[in-house]
Amino acid sequence: MKRAAIRSLISILLLVVAGWVQGADGQGADGQASARQASGAQEAVQSEPDAVALLRKIDELYRSDSSHATMTMEIVTPNWQRTMALEAWTRGMEDTFIRVLSPKKDRGVATLKIDREMWNYFPKINKVIKVPPSMMMGAWMGSDFTNDDLVREVSLVEEYHVTLQEADALHVLTLIPRTQTVTVWARIVIRVSRDKLLPVDQTYFNEQGERVRVMTFAENKTFSGREMPSVMTMTPLNKDGHKTVVRYQSLTLDVPVEDDIFTLRNLQKRFR
């Protein structure tokens, strides 16, 4: 079975991670590159194999054959804020099922992802709506995560060229999409703690080189014997006062998951 990225909602809310830029000269798809020198006394660029090894570690941090998680999602805007309780299951890299547990007005709203297809169920109108490609960059449940963040199946090592710099107590990974990679991001910068080798933040840049959004990681906890950040905050930099905070209450990796969870029939099941 393929191993799955556990998303920030997950990523899956993963990493996001993900949904997550100019490549180094002479750098091929096999991950080989000559050593580089960065300007500044505080930084030293490492050879790409070192960068690839670190990125692979980050890439595999939120991976398992299956998972079951409970979490909260807090959506903050200048005019209002709300918190939802969520339950989520993943299987392989293809399947994700998320259900809203609270508040009462949203209870039973659910999202199903199978491969690259995605559906939302709204119990108040008892209707399943398939998310069209034109809406993939739309907000999920009014949050700062997009539908595409939930659906995208990305191996960072396979989809991005990467270089590594050192800065104080951090490793700084710069990711540039490979030619075949389909993404709206021209560059992604991931900062990783040098002591625990865990992500600190992830910044997304557009084609104009502008920072568009930042996802920060905090409050490391141990789930299924694996230490990882339990809180992820997505902040859009073009929307003052907006942010979305995801907090994992529980996360079990490689747990048995029933096949019928990832079905349209289950999506439409009344949840009381």
Protein backbone atom coordinates (compact mmCIF):
# COMPACT_ATOMS: atom_id res chain seq x y z
CA MET A 1 0.00 0.00 0.00
CA LYS A 2 1.26 3.49 -0.79
CA ARG A 3 2.16 5.63 2.20
CA ALA A 4 0.01 8.65 2.81
CA ALA A 5 0.80 12.22 3.65
CA ILE A 6 -1.23 13.11 6.72
CA ARG A 7 -2.53 16.51 5.86
CA SER A 8 -2.80 19.64 7.92
CA LEU A 9 -6.46 18.92 7.96
CA ILE A 10 -4.89 16.41 6.80
CA SER A 11 -2.41 17.57 5.58
CA ILE A 12 -3.61 16.78 6.62
CA LEU A 13 -3.84 18.95 7.41
CA LEU A 14 -0.71 18.25 6.30
CA LEU A 15 1.43 18.92 5.56
CA VAL A 16 -0.41 20.49 3.98
CA VAL A 17 2.14 19.68 4.23
CA ALA A 18 1.61 20.93 1.67
CA GLY A 19 0.08 21.89 -1.41
CA TRP A 20 3.35 23.06 -0.64
CA VAL A 21 11.89 29.18 -6.59
CA GLN A 22 14.73 28.91 -9.08
CA GLY A 23 16.57 25.58 -9.27
CA ALA A 24 20.31 25.26 -8.75
CA ASP A 25 22.41 25.21 -11.92
CA GLY A 26 23.50 21.72 -12.87
CA GLN A 27 20.96 20.12 -10.55
CA GLY A 28 19.24 17.09 -12.05
CA ALA A 29 16.20 15.00 -11.10
CA ASP A 30 18.54 12.46 -9.43
CA GLY A 31 19.16 14.99 -6.66
CA GLN A 32 22.88 15.54 -7.42
CA ALA A 33 24.40 19.03 -7.21
CA SER A 34 27.78 20.54 -6.55
CA ALA A 35 28.50 22.26 -3.23
CA ARG A 36 27.56 25.93 -3.07
CA GLN A 37 28.72 28.91 -1.11
CA ALA A 38 26.20 31.45 0.24
CA SER A 39 27.09 35.03 0.99
CA GLY A 40 27.07 36.08 4.62
CA ALA A 41 29.02 34.77 7.57
CA GLN A 42 25.94 33.18 9.14
CA GLU A 43 24.98 30.91 6.20
CA ALA A 44 26.59 28.00 4.40
CA VAL A 45 24.94 26.21 1.48
CA GLN A 46 25.19 22.42 1.63
CA SER A 47 25.30 20.01 -1.31
CA GLU A 48 21.94 18.88 -2.61
CA PRO A 49 22.18 15.29 -1.30
CA ASP A 50 22.19 16.73 2.25
CA ALA A 51 19.25 18.94 1.35
CA VAL A 52 17.36 16.02 -0.17
CA ALA A 53 17.96 13.85 2.90
CA LEU A 54 16.55 16.53 5.19
CA LEU A 55 13.58 17.21 2.92
CA ARG A 56 12.85 13.48 2.77
CA LYS A 57 12.78 13.38 6.57
CA ILE A 58 10.28 16.26 6.64
CA ASP A 59 8.33 14.67 3.79
CA GLU A 60 7.97 11.42 5.75
CA LEU A 61 7.15 13.04 9.10
CA TYR A 62 3.42 13.10 8.37
CA ARG A 63 3.18 9.77 6.58
CA SER A 64 1.55 6.45 7.34
CA ASP A 65 -0.43 3.78 5.55
CA SER A 66 -3.56 5.02 7.32
CA SER A 67 -4.57 7.36 10.12
CA HIS A 68 -7.41 8.44 12.38
CA ALA A 69 -7.37 11.88 13.99
CA THR A 70 -9.46 14.29 16.01
CA MET A 71 -8.69 17.98 15.89
CA THR A 72 -10.06 21.48 16.19
CA MET A 73 -9.93 24.18 13.56
CA GLU A 74 -10.15 27.79 14.70
CA ILE A 75 -10.91 30.33 11.98
CA VAL A 76 -10.10 33.94 12.88
CA THR A 77 -11.07 37.06 10.90
CA PRO A 78 -11.29 40.74 11.92
CA ASN A 79 -15.09 40.48 12.18
CA TRP A 80 -15.73 37.01 13.57
CA GLN A 81 -14.16 33.77 14.67
CA ARG A 82 -15.37 30.23 15.12
CA THR A 83 -14.00 26.86 16.17
CA MET A 84 -14.94 23.50 14.65
CA ALA A 85 -14.23 20.03 16.00
CA LEU A 86 -13.24 17.59 13.25
CA GLU A 87 -12.66 13.87 12.86
CA ALA A 88 -10.59 12.58 9.95
CA TRP A 89 -9.46 9.31 8.39
CA THR A 90 -6.84 8.75 5.69
CA ARG A 91 -5.82 5.69 3.66
CA GLY A 92 -2.92 5.61 1.26
CA MET A 93 -2.18 8.80 -0.60
CA GLU A 94 -5.54 8.66 -2.32
CA ASP A 95 -8.30 8.68 0.28
CA THR A 96 -9.37 11.20 2.94
CA PHE A 97 -12.63 11.56 4.86
CA ILE A 98 -13.31 14.52 7.18
CA ARG A 99 -16.45 15.11 9.24
CA VAL A 100 -17.43 18.16 11.30
CA LEU A 101 -18.49 17.22 14.85
CA SER A 102 -19.31 20.70 16.15
CA PRO A 103 -20.64 23.40 16.35
CA LYS A 104 -24.21 22.17 16.08
CA LYS A 105 -25.01 24.25 12.99
CA ASP A 106 -22.16 22.58 11.05
CA ARG A 107 -22.40 19.10 12.59
CA GLY A 108 -22.43 16.40 9.93
CA VAL A 109 -20.86 18.47 7.16
CA ALA A 110 -18.34 16.14 5.55
CA THR A 111 -15.66 16.03 2.86
CA LEU A 112 -14.60 12.96 0.88
CA LYS A 113 -11.50 12.79 -1.29
CA ILE A 114 -10.82 9.82 -3.56
CA ASP A 115 -7.73 10.23 -5.72
CA ARG A 116 -8.07 13.71 -7.29
CA GLU A 117 -11.84 13.95 -6.87
CA MET A 118 -13.54 15.68 -3.98
CA TRP A 119 -17.10 15.96 -2.68
CA ASN A 120 -18.73 17.92 0.14
CA TYR A 121 -21.92 16.88 1.93
CA PHE A 122 -24.25 19.43 3.53
CA PRO A 123 -26.81 17.75 5.82
CA LYS A 124 -29.09 20.80 6.13
CA ILE A 125 -29.99 20.50 2.47
CA ASN A 126 -29.15 16.78 2.29
CA LYS A 127 -27.02 17.33 -0.78
CA VAL A 128 -23.65 16.13 -2.06
CA ILE A 129 -21.75 18.67 -4.15
CA LYS A 130 -18.73 17.69 -6.21
CA VAL A 131 -15.97 20.28 -6.10
CA PRO A 132 -15.12 21.30 -9.70
CA PRO A 133 -11.55 22.08 -10.79
CA SER A 134 -12.42 25.78 -10.95
CA MET A 135 -13.13 25.78 -7.21
CA MET A 136 -10.03 23.93 -6.02
CA MET A 137 -8.37 27.15 -4.83
CA GLY A 138 -11.50 28.11 -2.91
CA ALA A 139 -11.54 28.13 0.89
CA TRP A 140 -12.46 24.94 2.73
CA MET A 141 -15.27 25.66 5.24
CA GLY A 142 -14.35 29.35 5.24
CA SER A 143 -10.81 28.64 6.46
CA ASP A 144 -7.45 29.76 5.09
CA PHE A 145 -6.83 26.24 3.75
CA THR A 146 -7.98 25.60 0.20
CA ASN A 147 -9.73 22.59 -1.28
CA ASP A 148 -6.50 22.01 -3.19
CA ASP A 149 -4.59 21.75 0.10
CA LEU A 150 -6.76 18.76 0.96
CA VAL A 151 -6.60 17.06 -2.41
CA ARG A 152 -3.01 17.59 -3.51
CA GLU A 153 -0.85 14.48 -3.30
CA VAL A 154 2.73 15.71 -3.28
CA SER A 155 6.03 14.07 -2.53
CA LEU A 156 8.23 17.10 -1.93
CA VAL A 157 11.39 15.17 -2.84
CA GLU A 158 9.91 14.05 -6.17
CA GLU A 159 8.15 17.29 -7.08
CA TYR A 160 10.72 19.94 -6.08
CA HIS A 161 14.38 20.85 -6.52
CA VAL A 162 15.81 21.75 -3.11
CA THR A 163 18.78 23.65 -1.71
CA LEU A 164 19.84 23.95 1.92
CA GLN A 165 21.21 26.88 3.90
CA GLU A 166 22.13 27.19 7.57
CA ALA A 167 20.89 30.15 9.60
CA ASP A 168 21.54 30.28 13.34
CA ALA A 169 19.58 27.39 14.93
CA LEU A 170 17.69 26.57 11.73
CA HIS A 171 18.08 24.64 8.52
CA VAL A 172 16.48 26.59 5.65
CA LEU A 173 15.19 24.55 2.70
CA THR A 174 14.29 26.34 -0.53
CA LEU A 175 12.02 24.39 -2.86
CA ILE A 176 11.55 25.13 -6.55
CA PRO A 177 9.01 23.10 -8.56
CA ARG A 178 10.37 20.72 -11.16
CA THR A 179 9.29 21.16 -14.77
CA GLN A 180 6.50 18.58 -14.50
CA THR A 181 5.14 19.86 -11.17
CA VAL A 182 1.74 21.56 -11.34
CA THR A 183 1.51 24.24 -8.64
CA VAL A 184 0.60 27.89 -8.14
CA TRP A 185 3.68 28.43 -5.95
CA ALA A 186 6.92 29.65 -7.52
CA ARG A 187 8.92 28.97 -4.37
CA ILE A 188 8.43 27.39 -0.94
CA VAL A 189 10.81 28.00 1.97
CA ILE A 190 10.74 25.58 4.90
CA ARG A 191 12.62 26.36 8.11
CA VAL A 192 13.56 23.33 10.22
CA SER A 193 14.89 23.24 13.79
CA ARG A 194 18.45 21.94 13.92
CA ASP A 195 18.04 20.21 17.28
CA LYS A 196 14.89 18.15 16.64
CA LEU A 197 14.77 18.35 12.83
CA LEU A 198 11.11 19.37 12.95
CA PRO A 199 9.44 22.04 10.79
CA VAL A 200 9.17 25.55 12.27
CA ASP A 201 7.41 27.36 9.43
CA GLN A 202 6.70 27.14 5.72
CA THR A 203 6.42 30.22 3.48
CA TYR A 204 4.77 30.26 0.05
CA PHE A 205 5.83 32.69 -2.71
CA ASN A 206 4.04 33.67 -5.93
CA GLU A 207 5.55 34.23 -9.38
CA GLN A 208 6.34 37.85 -8.48
CA GLY A 209 8.50 36.68 -5.57
CA GLU A 210 6.00 37.95 -3.00
CA ARG A 211 5.19 36.07 0.20
CA VAL A 212 1.56 34.96 -0.02
CA ARG A 213 1.02 32.84 3.08
CA VAL A 214 2.90 31.29 5.99
CA MET A 215 2.17 28.08 7.88
CA THR A 216 3.78 27.79 11.31
CA PHE A 217 4.24 24.62 13.37
CA ALA A 218 4.21 24.49 17.19
CA GLU A 219 3.60 22.43 20.33
CA ASN A 220 5.45 19.22 19.54
CA LYS A 221 3.72 16.08 20.83
CA THR A 222 4.25 12.35 20.44
CA PHE A 223 1.63 10.46 18.43
CA SER A 224 2.01 6.71 17.84
CA GLY A 225 5.62 6.96 19.04
CA ARG A 226 6.47 9.80 16.64
CA GLU A 227 7.24 13.36 17.75
CA MET A 228 5.69 16.02 15.55
CA PRO A 229 4.07 19.47 15.76
CA SER A 230 0.47 19.27 16.97
CA VAL A 231 -0.52 22.85 16.10
CA MET A 232 -0.44 24.35 12.61
CA THR A 233 -1.38 27.96 11.86
CA MET A 234 -2.02 29.16 8.31
CA THR A 235 -1.79 32.94 7.89
CA PRO A 236 -2.60 34.62 4.54
CA LEU A 237 -0.34 37.66 4.23
CA ASN A 238 -2.74 39.50 1.92
CA LYS A 239 -5.59 39.42 4.46
CA ASP A 240 -4.97 41.42 7.62
CA GLY A 241 -6.27 39.78 10.76
CA HIS A 242 -7.00 36.40 9.15
CA LYS A 243 -5.59 33.05 10.27
CA THR A 244 -6.62 29.43 10.70
CA VAL A 245 -5.29 27.32 13.57
CA VAL A 246 -5.48 23.50 13.54
CA ARG A 247 -4.84 21.64 16.79
CA TYR A 248 -4.57 17.86 16.89
CA GLN A 249 -6.17 16.28 19.97
CA SER A 250 -5.38 12.73 18.91
CA LEU A 251 -3.64 11.05 16.00
CA THR A 252 -3.24 7.30 15.51
CA LEU A 253 -1.03 6.10 12.67
CA ASP A 254 -1.26 2.81 10.74
CA VAL A 255 -4.67 2.09 12.24
CA PRO A 256 -7.12 -0.34 10.59
CA VAL A 257 -9.60 1.66 8.49
CA GLU A 258 -12.78 0.20 6.99
CA ASP A 259 -13.14 0.41 3.21
CA ASP A 260 -16.67 1.79 3.41
CA ILE A 261 -15.46 4.97 5.15
CA PHE A 262 -14.25 6.30 1.81
CA THR A 263 -17.53 6.02 -0.09
CA LEU A 264 -20.21 8.41 -1.26
CA ARG A 265 -22.71 6.34 0.71
CA ASN A 266 -20.83 7.03 3.93
CA LEU A 267 -20.46 10.69 2.97
CA GLN A 268 -24.24 11.03 2.83
CA LYS A 269 -24.88 9.13 6.03
CA ARG A 270 -26.87 11.15 8.53
CA PHE A 271 -24.66 11.96 11.52
CA ARG A 272 -26.41 12.57 14.83
